[in-house]
Amino acid sequence: MKLLVIPVLYHEYLHYTGIKNESEVWLRENLFLRNLISEYSKKHENLLEYHLSVISEFEKISDFGTLFLLSFSPKSIEFYSNLNHIIQQLYGNTLAENEALKYAQEQILQNDLITELMNLKLIWHPEVRYPLLREPNSLIERHAIEKIVIEHKTEDNFMSRNDFYRILKESEISDWINSWNNYQTQVKDCINKTENYMFVYDQLKEYFINRI
């Protein structure tokens, strides 16, 4: 489904433009997705059926984090707080450079231990083995990995409230939010009008219905 692919490409495009902060990229991607969902809804006559299909697609790939963030109003403090919380869970805390180097070296050691186990299982040609990153011949590769890890772990991936609300005020972002809010209003109207309300309620999940 395009809804699953296009936001991922947009995420990587944002990094390509020079945005390193993961919270900002996630925020922009989430708001982009909201607009995408609302725009695609215009092609469907049955709005509830479409809405349920959107939820189903994300459930199929176990992307409950996206569904969780979609359940909050884009301008709410809850959305901001939970966005930063998810970033902390995924990327960890920001480290000092010496701490990041230690972390990188630990990751390299773990990788070498796994490689050594793999080498023990190689029986088709005992003289052929996977190289270890801590060996002299792997110096260039080891330093490259350390550099990447240090850049990643020293990056401040969290977002201040000022930056959060500054982004929300951008013209294009504001249009996306308005589009999403209109879509949510239409969904609520459809839910209230359906005869089989409880079935729809169960399908949409309580947490999702209460906050949209």
N, C-alpha and C. Protein backbone atom coordinates (compact mmCIF):
# COMPACT_ATOMS: atom_id res chain seq x y z
N MET A 1 0.85 -1.21 0.00
CA MET A 1 0.00 0.00 0.00
C MET A 1 0.88 1.25 0.00
N LYS A 2 0.48 2.25 -0.81
CA LYS A 2 1.29 3.46 -0.94
C LYS A 2 1.47 4.18 0.40
N LEU A 3 0.47 4.07 1.27
CA LEU A 3 0.54 4.76 2.56
C LEU A 3 1.70 4.25 3.41
N LEU A 4 2.13 3.02 3.16
CA LEU A 4 3.23 2.45 3.94
C LEU A 4 4.59 2.80 3.35
N VAL A 5 4.63 3.02 2.06
CA VAL A 5 5.91 3.22 1.37
C VAL A 5 6.29 4.70 1.27
N ILE A 6 5.37 5.52 0.82
CA ILE A 6 5.68 6.92 0.54
C ILE A 6 6.21 7.67 1.77
N PRO A 7 5.62 7.51 2.97
CA PRO A 7 6.17 8.22 4.14
C PRO A 7 7.61 7.82 4.47
N VAL A 8 7.95 6.54 4.23
CA VAL A 8 9.32 6.09 4.48
C VAL A 8 10.29 6.79 3.54
N LEU A 9 9.90 6.89 2.27
CA LEU A 9 10.74 7.60 1.30
C LEU A 9 10.86 9.07 1.67
N TYR A 10 9.77 9.64 2.14
CA TYR A 10 9.79 11.05 2.56
C TYR A 10 10.72 11.23 3.76
N HIS A 11 10.70 10.26 4.67
CA HIS A 11 11.58 10.28 5.84
C HIS A 11 13.04 10.37 5.41
N GLU A 12 13.42 9.50 4.47
CA GLU A 12 14.81 9.48 4.01
C GLU A 12 15.14 10.74 3.20
N TYR A 13 14.15 11.26 2.48
CA TYR A 13 14.36 12.51 1.72
C TYR A 13 14.66 13.66 2.68
N LEU A 14 13.97 13.70 3.81
CA LEU A 14 14.22 14.76 4.78
C LEU A 14 15.65 14.71 5.31
N HIS A 15 16.13 13.50 5.55
CA HIS A 15 17.53 13.35 5.97
C HIS A 15 18.46 13.83 4.86
N TYR A 16 18.10 13.52 3.62
CA TYR A 16 18.92 13.91 2.47
C TYR A 16 19.02 15.43 2.35
N THR A 17 17.96 16.14 2.75
CA THR A 17 17.97 17.60 2.68
C THR A 17 18.84 18.23 3.78
N GLY A 18 19.30 17.39 4.72
CA GLY A 18 20.20 17.89 5.75
C GLY A 18 19.63 17.89 7.16
N ILE A 19 18.40 17.44 7.34
CA ILE A 19 17.81 17.39 8.69
C ILE A 19 18.29 16.12 9.38
N LYS A 20 19.07 16.27 10.44
CA LYS A 20 19.61 15.11 11.16
C LYS A 20 18.77 14.74 12.37
N ASN A 21 18.10 15.72 12.96
CA ASN A 21 17.32 15.48 14.17
C ASN A 21 16.16 14.52 13.89
N GLU A 22 16.17 13.35 14.54
CA GLU A 22 15.16 12.33 14.27
C GLU A 22 13.76 12.76 14.72
N SER A 23 13.65 13.51 15.80
CA SER A 23 12.34 13.98 16.25
C SER A 23 11.69 14.88 15.21
N GLU A 24 12.48 15.77 14.63
CA GLU A 24 11.95 16.65 13.59
C GLU A 24 11.53 15.84 12.36
N VAL A 25 12.37 14.89 11.97
CA VAL A 25 12.05 14.07 10.79
C VAL A 25 10.79 13.25 11.05
N TRP A 26 10.69 12.66 12.23
CA TRP A 26 9.50 11.88 12.57
C TRP A 26 8.25 12.76 12.60
N LEU A 27 8.38 13.96 13.14
CA LEU A 27 7.25 14.88 13.20
C LEU A 27 6.77 15.22 11.79
N ARG A 28 7.69 15.61 10.94
CA ARG A 28 7.34 15.99 9.57
C ARG A 28 6.77 14.78 8.81
N GLU A 29 7.34 13.61 9.02
CA GLU A 29 6.83 12.41 8.36
C GLU A 29 5.41 12.09 8.83
N ASN A 30 5.17 12.21 10.13
CA ASN A 30 3.84 11.90 10.67
C ASN A 30 2.78 12.85 10.14
N LEU A 31 3.11 14.13 10.06
CA LEU A 31 2.16 15.11 9.54
C LEU A 31 1.95 14.93 8.04
N PHE A 32 3.02 14.55 7.35
CA PHE A 32 2.93 14.23 5.92
C PHE A 32 1.99 13.04 5.71
N LEU A 33 2.12 12.04 6.56
CA LEU A 33 1.26 10.85 6.48
C LEU A 33 -0.19 11.22 6.74
N ARG A 34 -0.45 12.07 7.71
CA ARG A 34 -1.83 12.48 8.01
C ARG A 34 -2.47 13.13 6.77
N ASN A 35 -1.71 13.98 6.11
CA ASN A 35 -2.23 14.63 4.91
C ASN A 35 -2.45 13.61 3.81
N LEU A 36 -1.55 12.64 3.70
CA LEU A 36 -1.66 11.60 2.69
C LEU A 36 -2.93 10.77 2.91
N ILE A 37 -3.19 10.41 4.16
CA ILE A 37 -4.39 9.64 4.49
C ILE A 37 -5.65 10.41 4.11
N SER A 38 -5.67 11.69 4.45
CA SER A 38 -6.85 12.50 4.17
C SER A 38 -7.05 12.72 2.67
N GLU A 39 -5.95 12.88 1.94
CA GLU A 39 -6.05 13.08 0.49
C GLU A 39 -6.53 11.81 -0.22
N TYR A 40 -5.99 10.68 0.18
CA TYR A 40 -6.40 9.40 -0.42
C TYR A 40 -7.87 9.07 -0.13
N SER A 41 -8.36 9.58 0.98
CA SER A 41 -9.76 9.29 1.36
C SER A 41 -10.75 9.84 0.34
N LYS A 42 -10.35 10.86 -0.41
CA LYS A 42 -11.24 11.50 -1.38
C LYS A 42 -11.55 10.58 -2.56
N LYS A 43 -10.74 9.53 -2.71
CA LYS A 43 -10.95 8.58 -3.80
C LYS A 43 -11.88 7.44 -3.40
N HIS A 44 -12.35 7.44 -2.16
CA HIS A 44 -13.17 6.34 -1.65
C HIS A 44 -14.56 6.84 -1.27
N GLU A 45 -15.55 6.12 -1.73
CA GLU A 45 -16.93 6.49 -1.40
C GLU A 45 -17.27 6.11 0.03
N ASN A 46 -16.80 4.95 0.47
CA ASN A 46 -17.09 4.49 1.83
C ASN A 46 -15.94 4.90 2.74
N LEU A 47 -16.13 5.98 3.48
CA LEU A 47 -15.06 6.54 4.29
C LEU A 47 -14.67 5.62 5.45
N LEU A 48 -15.65 5.00 6.08
CA LEU A 48 -15.35 4.11 7.20
C LEU A 48 -14.57 2.88 6.75
N GLU A 49 -14.96 2.36 5.62
CA GLU A 49 -14.25 1.20 5.07
C GLU A 49 -12.80 1.56 4.77
N TYR A 50 -12.61 2.73 4.21
CA TYR A 50 -11.25 3.21 3.93
C TYR A 50 -10.47 3.40 5.22
N HIS A 51 -11.10 4.01 6.21
CA HIS A 51 -10.46 4.30 7.49
C HIS A 51 -10.00 3.00 8.17
N LEU A 52 -10.87 2.00 8.14
CA LEU A 52 -10.53 0.70 8.72
C LEU A 52 -9.39 0.04 7.97
N SER A 53 -9.36 0.22 6.65
CA SER A 53 -8.30 -0.38 5.84
C SER A 53 -6.96 0.25 6.15
N VAL A 54 -6.97 1.55 6.45
CA VAL A 54 -5.72 2.24 6.81
C VAL A 54 -5.16 1.65 8.10
N ILE A 55 -6.01 1.49 9.10
CA ILE A 55 -5.58 0.91 10.37
C ILE A 55 -5.07 -0.50 10.17
N SER A 56 -5.79 -1.26 9.36
CA SER A 56 -5.42 -2.66 9.10
C SER A 56 -4.04 -2.78 8.46
N GLU A 57 -3.74 -1.87 7.53
CA GLU A 57 -2.45 -1.93 6.84
C GLU A 57 -1.29 -1.73 7.82
N PHE A 58 -1.45 -0.82 8.76
CA PHE A 58 -0.39 -0.58 9.74
C PHE A 58 -0.31 -1.71 10.75
N GLU A 59 -1.45 -2.31 11.07
CA GLU A 59 -1.46 -3.44 12.00
C GLU A 59 -0.77 -4.65 11.38
N LYS A 60 -0.91 -4.83 10.07
CA LYS A 60 -0.30 -5.97 9.40
C LYS A 60 1.22 -5.98 9.53
N ILE A 61 1.81 -4.80 9.57
CA ILE A 61 3.27 -4.72 9.70
C ILE A 61 3.67 -4.37 11.13
N SER A 62 2.70 -4.46 12.04
CA SER A 62 2.93 -4.20 13.48
C SER A 62 3.48 -2.81 13.75
N ASP A 63 3.07 -1.84 12.94
CA ASP A 63 3.52 -0.46 13.14
C ASP A 63 2.53 0.25 14.07
N PHE A 64 2.51 -0.20 15.32
CA PHE A 64 1.58 0.38 16.29
C PHE A 64 2.07 1.74 16.79
N GLY A 65 3.37 2.00 16.63
CA GLY A 65 3.88 3.31 17.03
C GLY A 65 3.28 4.42 16.19
N THR A 66 3.15 4.18 14.87
CA THR A 66 2.53 5.17 13.99
C THR A 66 1.07 5.37 14.33
N LEU A 67 0.35 4.26 14.55
CA LEU A 67 -1.07 4.36 14.92
C LEU A 67 -1.24 5.12 16.23
N PHE A 68 -0.33 4.85 17.16
CA PHE A 68 -0.39 5.52 18.46
C PHE A 68 -0.22 7.02 18.30
N LEU A 69 0.76 7.45 17.50
CA LEU A 69 0.98 8.88 17.30
C LEU A 69 -0.18 9.52 16.54
N LEU A 70 -0.79 8.78 15.61
CA LEU A 70 -1.93 9.32 14.87
C LEU A 70 -3.14 9.55 15.76
N SER A 71 -3.14 8.90 16.91
CA SER A 71 -4.30 9.03 17.80
C SER A 71 -4.32 10.34 18.57
N PHE A 72 -3.23 11.11 18.48
CA PHE A 72 -3.17 12.39 19.19
C PHE A 72 -3.38 13.56 18.23
N SER A 73 -3.99 14.60 18.74
CA SER A 73 -4.11 15.83 17.97
C SER A 73 -2.70 16.35 17.67
N PRO A 74 -2.42 16.73 16.41
CA PRO A 74 -1.06 17.14 16.04
C PRO A 74 -0.52 18.35 16.79
N LYS A 75 -1.40 19.14 17.38
CA LYS A 75 -0.95 20.33 18.10
C LYS A 75 -0.91 20.11 19.62
N SER A 76 -1.21 18.91 20.07
CA SER A 76 -1.32 18.65 21.51
C SER A 76 0.04 18.41 22.15
N ILE A 77 0.14 18.72 23.43
CA ILE A 77 1.37 18.46 24.17
C ILE A 77 1.60 16.97 24.31
N GLU A 78 0.50 16.18 24.29
CA GLU A 78 0.62 14.72 24.38
C GLU A 78 1.35 14.16 23.15
N PHE A 79 1.02 14.72 21.99
CA PHE A 79 1.68 14.29 20.75
C PHE A 79 3.17 14.60 20.83
N TYR A 80 3.50 15.79 21.26
CA TYR A 80 4.90 16.21 21.40
C TYR A 80 5.66 15.30 22.37
N SER A 81 5.06 15.04 23.55
CA SER A 81 5.72 14.24 24.59
C SER A 81 5.93 12.80 24.14
N ASN A 82 4.90 12.21 23.53
CA ASN A 82 5.01 10.82 23.11
C ASN A 82 5.95 10.66 21.92
N LEU A 83 6.04 11.68 21.07
CA LEU A 83 6.99 11.65 19.96
C LEU A 83 8.42 11.58 20.50
N ASN A 84 8.74 12.44 21.45
CA ASN A 84 10.08 12.43 22.05
C ASN A 84 10.35 11.13 22.79
N HIS A 85 9.30 10.58 23.42
CA HIS A 85 9.46 9.32 24.15
C HIS A 85 9.81 8.19 23.20
N ILE A 86 9.12 8.12 22.07
CA ILE A 86 9.40 7.07 21.08
C ILE A 86 10.82 7.22 20.54
N ILE A 87 11.25 8.45 20.29
CA ILE A 87 12.61 8.69 19.80
C ILE A 87 13.63 8.21 20.83
N GLN A 88 13.35 8.47 22.11
CA GLN A 88 14.26 8.04 23.16
C GLN A 88 14.37 6.51 23.21
N GLN A 89 13.23 5.84 23.03
CA GLN A 89 13.22 4.38 23.04
C GLN A 89 13.98 3.79 21.85
N LEU A 90 13.87 4.43 20.70
CA LEU A 90 14.48 3.91 19.49
C LEU A 90 15.96 4.26 19.36
N TYR A 91 16.32 5.48 19.72
CA TYR A 91 17.67 5.96 19.46
C TYR A 91 18.52 6.15 20.72
N GLY A 92 17.89 6.07 21.87
CA GLY A 92 18.63 6.22 23.11
C GLY A 92 18.97 7.67 23.42
N ASN A 93 19.65 7.85 24.54
CA ASN A 93 20.03 9.20 24.96
C ASN A 93 21.25 9.69 24.17
N THR A 94 21.39 11.00 24.10
CA THR A 94 22.55 11.59 23.44
C THR A 94 23.79 11.37 24.29
N LEU A 95 24.87 10.91 23.66
CA LEU A 95 26.10 10.60 24.39
C LEU A 95 27.20 11.62 24.10
N ALA A 96 28.12 11.77 25.06
CA ALA A 96 29.32 12.56 24.82
C ALA A 96 30.21 11.76 23.87
N GLU A 97 31.18 12.43 23.23
CA GLU A 97 31.98 11.77 22.20
C GLU A 97 32.75 10.56 22.75
N ASN A 98 33.32 10.70 23.97
CA ASN A 98 34.07 9.58 24.54
C ASN A 98 33.15 8.41 24.88
N GLU A 99 31.93 8.71 25.31
CA GLU A 99 30.95 7.66 25.58
C GLU A 99 30.51 6.98 24.30
N ALA A 100 30.35 7.78 23.25
CA ALA A 100 29.95 7.23 21.96
C ALA A 100 31.03 6.31 21.39
N LEU A 101 32.31 6.69 21.58
CA LEU A 101 33.41 5.86 21.11
C LEU A 101 33.43 4.53 21.85
N LYS A 102 33.22 4.58 23.16
CA LYS A 102 33.17 3.36 23.96
C LYS A 102 32.02 2.47 23.49
N TYR A 103 30.87 3.09 23.22
CA TYR A 103 29.71 2.33 22.73
C TYR A 103 30.03 1.68 21.39
N ALA A 104 30.68 2.41 20.50
CA ALA A 104 31.04 1.88 19.18
C ALA A 104 31.98 0.69 19.31
N GLN A 105 32.96 0.81 20.21
CA GLN A 105 33.91 -0.28 20.41
C GLN A 105 33.24 -1.53 20.98
N GLU A 106 32.25 -1.32 21.85
CA GLU A 106 31.49 -2.45 22.41
C GLU A 106 30.69 -3.15 21.31
N GLN A 107 30.11 -2.35 20.41
CA GLN A 107 29.33 -2.93 19.31
C GLN A 107 30.23 -3.71 18.35
N ILE A 108 31.43 -3.20 18.12
CA ILE A 108 32.38 -3.89 17.25
C ILE A 108 32.81 -5.21 17.87
N LEU A 109 33.03 -5.21 19.20
CA LEU A 109 33.41 -6.43 19.90
C LEU A 109 32.29 -7.47 19.81
N GLN A 110 31.06 -7.03 20.01
CA GLN A 110 29.93 -7.95 19.91
C GLN A 110 29.83 -8.53 18.50
N ASN A 111 30.05 -7.67 17.51
CA ASN A 111 29.99 -8.13 16.13
C ASN A 111 31.08 -9.18 15.85
N ASP A 112 32.28 -8.94 16.40
CA ASP A 112 33.38 -9.89 16.20
C ASP A 112 33.10 -11.23 16.87
N LEU A 113 32.44 -11.20 18.03
CA LEU A 113 32.10 -12.45 18.71
C LEU A 113 31.14 -13.28 17.86
N ILE A 114 30.18 -12.62 17.26
CA ILE A 114 29.24 -13.31 16.38
C ILE A 114 29.97 -13.86 15.15
N THR A 115 30.89 -13.05 14.61
CA THR A 115 31.67 -13.48 13.45
C THR A 115 32.52 -14.69 13.77
N GLU A 116 33.12 -14.71 14.96
CA GLU A 116 33.95 -15.85 15.37
C GLU A 116 33.12 -17.12 15.46
N LEU A 117 31.90 -17.01 15.97
CA LEU A 117 31.01 -18.16 16.04
C LEU A 117 30.67 -18.66 14.64
N MET A 118 30.46 -17.75 13.73
CA MET A 118 30.17 -18.12 12.35
C MET A 118 31.37 -18.82 11.71
N ASN A 119 32.58 -18.33 12.03
CA ASN A 119 33.79 -18.96 11.48
C ASN A 119 33.96 -20.39 11.97
N LEU A 120 33.53 -20.65 13.22
CA LEU A 120 33.64 -22.01 13.76
C LEU A 120 32.74 -22.99 13.01
N LYS A 121 31.67 -22.46 12.43
CA LYS A 121 30.72 -23.32 11.73
C LYS A 121 31.06 -23.53 10.26
N LEU A 122 32.08 -22.80 9.79
CA LEU A 122 32.46 -22.94 8.38
C LEU A 122 33.26 -24.23 8.19
N ILE A 123 32.71 -25.15 7.45
CA ILE A 123 33.37 -26.45 7.27
C ILE A 123 33.69 -26.72 5.80
N TRP A 124 33.11 -25.92 4.90
CA TRP A 124 33.32 -26.19 3.48
C TRP A 124 34.73 -25.86 3.02
N HIS A 125 35.38 -24.91 3.72
CA HIS A 125 36.76 -24.56 3.40
C HIS A 125 37.37 -23.91 4.64
N PRO A 126 38.02 -24.70 5.50
CA PRO A 126 38.52 -24.19 6.79
C PRO A 126 39.42 -22.97 6.69
N GLU A 127 40.10 -22.80 5.58
CA GLU A 127 41.03 -21.69 5.44
C GLU A 127 40.33 -20.37 5.06
N VAL A 128 39.07 -20.49 4.65
CA VAL A 128 38.29 -19.30 4.31
C VAL A 128 37.47 -18.90 5.53
N ARG A 129 37.61 -17.67 5.96
CA ARG A 129 36.90 -17.21 7.16
C ARG A 129 36.47 -15.76 6.98
N TYR A 130 35.47 -15.38 7.76
CA TYR A 130 35.03 -13.99 7.76
C TYR A 130 36.02 -13.15 8.57
N PRO A 131 36.41 -11.99 8.08
CA PRO A 131 37.38 -11.15 8.81
C PRO A 131 36.76 -10.52 10.04
N LEU A 132 37.60 -10.27 11.03
CA LEU A 132 37.17 -9.60 12.26
C LEU A 132 37.51 -8.12 12.18
N LEU A 133 36.64 -7.29 12.73
CA LEU A 133 36.83 -5.84 12.63
C LEU A 133 38.00 -5.36 13.48
N ARG A 134 38.38 -6.12 14.51
CA ARG A 134 39.48 -5.67 15.36
C ARG A 134 40.85 -6.14 14.85
N GLU A 135 40.88 -6.83 13.70
CA GLU A 135 42.14 -7.26 13.11
C GLU A 135 42.80 -6.09 12.36
N PRO A 136 44.13 -6.10 12.27
CA PRO A 136 44.86 -5.01 11.58
C PRO A 136 44.38 -4.77 10.15
N ASN A 137 44.03 -5.83 9.45
CA ASN A 137 43.59 -5.67 8.06
C ASN A 137 42.23 -4.98 7.94
N SER A 138 41.51 -4.87 9.07
CA SER A 138 40.17 -4.26 9.05
C SER A 138 40.18 -2.86 9.66
N LEU A 139 41.37 -2.26 9.76
CA LEU A 139 41.51 -0.96 10.43
C LEU A 139 40.66 0.12 9.77
N ILE A 140 40.67 0.20 8.45
CA ILE A 140 39.91 1.22 7.73
C ILE A 140 38.42 1.05 7.99
N GLU A 141 37.95 -0.20 7.90
CA GLU A 141 36.52 -0.48 8.11
C GLU A 141 36.11 -0.18 9.56
N ARG A 142 36.99 -0.54 10.51
CA ARG A 142 36.67 -0.31 11.92
C ARG A 142 36.55 1.19 12.21
N HIS A 143 37.49 1.97 11.70
CA HIS A 143 37.45 3.42 11.93
C HIS A 143 36.23 4.04 11.27
N ALA A 144 35.84 3.53 10.10
CA ALA A 144 34.65 4.05 9.41
C ALA A 144 33.40 3.79 10.23
N ILE A 145 33.31 2.58 10.81
CA ILE A 145 32.16 2.22 11.64
C ILE A 145 32.13 3.07 12.91
N GLU A 146 33.28 3.24 13.52
CA GLU A 146 33.36 4.07 14.73
C GLU A 146 32.90 5.50 14.44
N LYS A 147 33.32 6.04 13.30
CA LYS A 147 32.93 7.40 12.93
C LYS A 147 31.42 7.52 12.77
N ILE A 148 30.82 6.55 12.08
CA ILE A 148 29.37 6.57 11.85
C ILE A 148 28.61 6.48 13.17
N VAL A 149 29.05 5.56 14.05
CA VAL A 149 28.37 5.37 15.33
C VAL A 149 28.49 6.61 16.20
N ILE A 150 29.69 7.21 16.22
CA ILE A 150 29.90 8.41 17.03
C ILE A 150 29.01 9.56 16.55
N GLU A 151 28.94 9.75 15.24
CA GLU A 151 28.07 10.81 14.69
C GLU A 151 26.62 10.56 15.06
N HIS A 152 26.21 9.29 15.01
CA HIS A 152 24.83 8.94 15.31
C HIS A 152 24.51 9.12 16.79
N LYS A 153 25.39 8.65 17.67
CA LYS A 153 25.10 8.65 19.11
C LYS A 153 25.31 10.02 19.76
N THR A 154 26.07 10.91 19.13
CA THR A 154 26.27 12.25 19.69
C THR A 154 25.25 13.25 19.16
N GLU A 155 24.45 12.83 18.18
CA GLU A 155 23.43 13.71 17.62
C GLU A 155 22.28 13.89 18.61
N ASP A 156 21.86 15.13 18.81
CA ASP A 156 20.72 15.42 19.68
C ASP A 156 19.44 15.18 18.88
N ASN A 157 18.78 14.07 19.15
CA ASN A 157 17.59 13.69 18.37
C ASN A 157 16.29 14.15 18.99
N PHE A 158 16.36 14.89 20.09
CA PHE A 158 15.14 15.35 20.74
C PHE A 158 14.77 16.76 20.29
N MET A 159 13.53 17.12 20.55
CA MET A 159 13.01 18.39 20.05
C MET A 159 12.46 19.23 21.20
N SER A 160 12.77 20.50 21.17
CA SER A 160 12.22 21.41 22.18
C SER A 160 10.78 21.78 21.80
N ARG A 161 10.04 22.26 22.76
CA ARG A 161 8.66 22.69 22.48
C ARG A 161 8.65 23.85 21.49
N ASN A 162 9.62 24.75 21.62
CA ASN A 162 9.68 25.89 20.70
C ASN A 162 9.84 25.43 19.26
N ASP A 163 10.74 24.46 19.04
CA ASP A 163 10.94 23.93 17.68
C ASP A 163 9.69 23.20 17.20
N PHE A 164 9.04 22.47 18.10
CA PHE A 164 7.82 21.73 17.76
C PHE A 164 6.75 22.68 17.24
N TYR A 165 6.47 23.74 17.99
CA TYR A 165 5.42 24.67 17.59
C TYR A 165 5.85 25.56 16.41
N ARG A 166 7.15 25.78 16.28
CA ARG A 166 7.64 26.54 15.12
C ARG A 166 7.36 25.78 13.83
N ILE A 167 7.60 24.47 13.84
CA ILE A 167 7.35 23.65 12.66
C ILE A 167 5.87 23.59 12.34
N LEU A 168 5.03 23.50 13.38
CA LEU A 168 3.58 23.43 13.15
C LEU A 168 3.03 24.69 12.49
N LYS A 169 3.74 25.80 12.64
CA LYS A 169 3.27 27.06 12.08
C LYS A 169 3.66 27.24 10.61
N GLU A 170 4.52 26.37 10.09
CA GLU A 170 4.91 26.47 8.69
C GLU A 170 3.68 26.33 7.80
N SER A 171 3.64 27.09 6.72
CA SER A 171 2.46 27.16 5.86
C SER A 171 2.01 25.78 5.36
N GLU A 172 2.93 25.01 4.81
CA GLU A 172 2.56 23.69 4.27
C GLU A 172 2.11 22.76 5.37
N ILE A 173 2.81 22.78 6.50
CA ILE A 173 2.45 21.93 7.64
C ILE A 173 1.06 22.30 8.15
N SER A 174 0.79 23.59 8.23
CA SER A 174 -0.52 24.06 8.69
C SER A 174 -1.64 23.55 7.78
N ASP A 175 -1.39 23.54 6.48
CA ASP A 175 -2.38 23.03 5.52
C ASP A 175 -2.61 21.53 5.74
N TRP A 176 -1.53 20.80 6.01
CA TRP A 176 -1.66 19.35 6.26
C TRP A 176 -2.50 19.08 7.50
N ILE A 177 -2.28 19.88 8.54
CA ILE A 177 -3.03 19.70 9.79
C ILE A 177 -4.51 20.00 9.56
N ASN A 178 -4.81 21.05 8.83
CA ASN A 178 -6.22 21.38 8.53
C ASN A 178 -6.88 20.27 7.73
N SER A 179 -6.14 19.71 6.77
CA SER A 179 -6.66 18.61 5.97
C SER A 179 -6.97 17.41 6.85
N TRP A 180 -6.07 17.10 7.78
CA TRP A 180 -6.26 15.98 8.70
C TRP A 180 -7.46 16.21 9.62
N ASN A 181 -7.58 17.42 10.14
CA ASN A 181 -8.69 17.73 11.05
C ASN A 181 -10.04 17.59 10.33
N ASN A 182 -10.10 18.02 9.08
CA ASN A 182 -11.34 17.88 8.30
C ASN A 182 -11.66 16.41 8.08
N TYR A 183 -10.65 15.65 7.79
CA TYR A 183 -10.83 14.21 7.58
C TYR A 183 -11.35 13.55 8.86
N GLN A 184 -10.75 13.89 9.99
CA GLN A 184 -11.17 13.32 11.26
C GLN A 184 -12.63 13.66 11.58
N THR A 185 -13.03 14.88 11.28
CA THR A 185 -14.43 15.28 11.50
C THR A 185 -15.37 14.44 10.66
N GLN A 186 -15.00 14.18 9.43
CA GLN A 186 -15.83 13.36 8.54
C GLN A 186 -15.93 11.92 9.04
N VAL A 187 -14.82 11.40 9.54
CA VAL A 187 -14.82 10.04 10.08
C VAL A 187 -15.74 9.95 11.29
N LYS A 188 -15.66 10.92 12.17
CA LYS A 188 -16.53 10.93 13.36
C LYS A 188 -18.00 10.98 12.96
N ASP A 189 -18.31 11.80 11.98
CA ASP A 189 -19.69 11.90 11.50
C ASP A 189 -20.19 10.56 10.97
N CYS A 190 -19.33 9.87 10.23
CA CYS A 190 -19.70 8.56 9.69
C CYS A 190 -19.92 7.54 10.80
N ILE A 191 -19.08 7.59 11.82
CA ILE A 191 -19.22 6.67 12.94
C ILE A 191 -20.54 6.90 13.67
N ASN A 192 -20.89 8.17 13.87
CA ASN A 192 -22.13 8.50 14.58
C ASN A 192 -23.37 8.11 13.79
N LYS A 193 -23.25 8.07 12.47
CA LYS A 193 -24.41 7.77 11.62
C LYS A 193 -24.59 6.29 11.35
N THR A 194 -23.52 5.50 11.56
CA THR A 194 -23.63 4.08 11.22
C THR A 194 -24.57 3.36 12.17
N GLU A 195 -25.35 2.41 11.64
CA GLU A 195 -26.30 1.65 12.43
C GLU A 195 -25.58 0.64 13.32
N ASN A 196 -24.47 0.12 12.81
CA ASN A 196 -23.73 -0.88 13.55
C ASN A 196 -22.57 -0.21 14.28
N TYR A 197 -22.89 0.73 15.15
CA TYR A 197 -21.89 1.57 15.79
C TYR A 197 -20.86 0.76 16.58
N MET A 198 -21.33 -0.21 17.38
CA MET A 198 -20.42 -0.95 18.25
C MET A 198 -19.40 -1.76 17.45
N PHE A 199 -19.83 -2.29 16.30
CA PHE A 199 -18.89 -3.04 15.46
C PHE A 199 -17.78 -2.11 14.96
N VAL A 200 -18.17 -0.96 14.50
CA VAL A 200 -17.19 0.01 14.01
C VAL A 200 -16.28 0.45 15.14
N TYR A 201 -16.87 0.66 16.30
CA TYR A 201 -16.10 1.07 17.48
C TYR A 201 -15.03 0.04 17.81
N ASP A 202 -15.42 -1.23 17.80
CA ASP A 202 -14.47 -2.30 18.10
C ASP A 202 -13.36 -2.36 17.05
N GLN A 203 -13.72 -2.18 15.78
CA GLN A 203 -12.75 -2.27 14.71
C GLN A 203 -11.74 -1.12 14.76
N LEU A 204 -12.19 0.04 15.15
CA LEU A 204 -11.31 1.21 15.17
C LEU A 204 -10.38 1.23 16.39
N LYS A 205 -10.71 0.41 17.38
CA LYS A 205 -9.95 0.36 18.63
C LYS A 205 -10.28 1.58 19.49
N GLU A 206 -10.50 1.31 20.75
CA GLU A 206 -10.94 2.37 21.66
C GLU A 206 -9.95 3.53 21.73
N TYR A 207 -8.67 3.21 21.83
CA TYR A 207 -7.69 4.30 21.97
C TYR A 207 -7.69 5.20 20.74
N PHE A 208 -7.99 4.62 19.57
CA PHE A 208 -7.93 5.40 18.35
C PHE A 208 -9.16 6.29 18.18
N ILE A 209 -10.29 5.79 18.63
CA ILE A 209 -11.52 6.55 18.48
C ILE A 209 -11.61 7.71 19.46
N ASN A 210 -11.09 7.49 20.66
CA ASN A 210 -11.25 8.50 21.71
C ASN A 210 -10.47 9.78 21.42
N ARG A 211 -9.38 9.66 20.68
CA ARG A 211 -8.50 10.82 20.52
C ARG A 211 -8.61 11.49 19.17
N ILE A 212 -9.22 10.84 18.16
CA ILE A 212 -9.24 11.45 16.83
C ILE A 212 -10.20 12.62 16.78
